[in-house]
Amino acid sequence: MKYSELIKPLGIDTEQAGFMFGRKSLFEKVVNLGWIKPVVDRHSCKLYDIREVEACWERLRAEGLPDDKK
């Protein structure tokens, strides 16, 4: 196992979370829906817990967005 696989960042910003989601706008939408809140929320710094971002992605995969028509 590589060292980089063992060490994961704990906090990520909106850009990085948007990259994980594939679209920044999609991540911003789940933030606006209240599915996830930043751990650090300052004027110049907004960080999210990477575990919560991953859990939010799993919820999105399982449930979809509330306004999506199935």
Protein backbone atom coordinates (compact mmCIF):
# COMPACT_ATOMS: atom_id res chain seq x y z
CA MET A 1 0.00 0.00 0.00
CA LYS A 2 1.25 3.45 -0.90
CA TYR A 3 1.75 6.12 1.73
CA SER A 4 -0.51 8.46 -0.26
CA GLU A 5 -3.32 5.91 0.08
CA LEU A 6 -2.94 5.90 3.86
CA ILE A 7 -2.88 9.67 4.30
CA LYS A 8 -6.02 11.46 3.15
CA PRO A 9 -6.81 15.12 3.57
CA LEU A 10 -9.39 15.75 6.28
CA GLY A 11 -10.69 19.04 5.00
CA ILE A 12 -11.36 20.04 1.41
CA ASP A 13 -12.63 23.25 -0.14
CA THR A 14 -15.57 23.80 -2.48
CA GLU A 15 -13.43 23.41 -5.60
CA GLN A 16 -12.05 20.04 -4.48
CA ALA A 17 -15.47 18.81 -3.38
CA GLY A 18 -16.92 19.93 -6.70
CA PHE A 19 -14.20 17.93 -8.45
CA MET A 20 -15.16 14.86 -6.40
CA PHE A 21 -18.81 15.31 -7.42
CA GLY A 22 -17.91 15.93 -11.04
CA ARG A 23 -19.52 19.37 -11.01
CA LYS A 24 -19.05 22.23 -8.60
CA SER A 25 -22.66 23.32 -9.19
CA LEU A 26 -23.94 19.92 -8.05
CA PHE A 27 -21.94 20.14 -4.83
CA GLU A 28 -23.19 23.69 -4.24
CA LYS A 29 -26.75 22.44 -4.75
CA VAL A 30 -26.46 19.80 -2.00
CA VAL A 31 -24.90 22.43 0.28
CA ASN A 32 -27.86 24.74 -0.40
CA LEU A 33 -30.23 21.85 0.37
CA GLY A 34 -28.54 21.52 3.77
CA TRP A 35 -27.16 18.02 3.18
CA ILE A 36 -23.68 19.13 4.21
CA LYS A 37 -22.29 22.07 6.16
CA PRO A 38 -18.75 23.42 6.24
CA VAL A 39 -16.56 22.62 9.21
CA VAL A 40 -14.69 25.90 8.78
CA ASP A 41 -16.76 28.81 7.49
CA ARG A 42 -14.77 32.03 7.25
CA HIS A 43 -14.83 34.79 4.70
CA SER A 44 -11.67 33.57 2.99
CA CYS A 45 -11.82 29.89 3.95
CA LYS A 46 -14.63 27.35 3.70
CA LEU A 47 -13.64 23.71 4.37
CA TYR A 48 -15.72 20.54 4.41
CA ASP A 49 -14.94 17.25 6.15
CA ILE A 50 -13.99 14.79 3.42
CA ARG A 51 -15.85 11.96 5.17
CA GLU A 52 -19.05 14.01 5.15
CA VAL A 53 -18.54 14.83 1.47
CA GLU A 54 -18.17 11.12 0.69
CA ALA A 55 -21.27 10.30 2.77
CA CYS A 56 -23.18 13.03 0.94
CA TRP A 57 -22.17 11.50 -2.39
CA GLU A 58 -23.43 8.10 -1.24
CA ARG A 59 -26.74 9.68 -0.21
CA LEU A 60 -26.99 11.37 -3.59
CA ARG A 61 -26.37 8.06 -5.34
CA ALA A 62 -28.99 6.28 -3.24
CA GLU A 63 -31.72 8.92 -3.14
CA GLY A 64 -31.03 11.41 -5.91
CA LEU A 65 -31.78 15.07 -5.43
CA PRO A 66 -35.17 15.87 -3.85
CA ASP A 67 -36.31 17.85 -6.89
CA ASP A 68 -35.38 15.14 -9.40
CA LYS A 69 -38.33 13.51 -11.12
CA LYS A 70 -38.11 9.74 -11.31
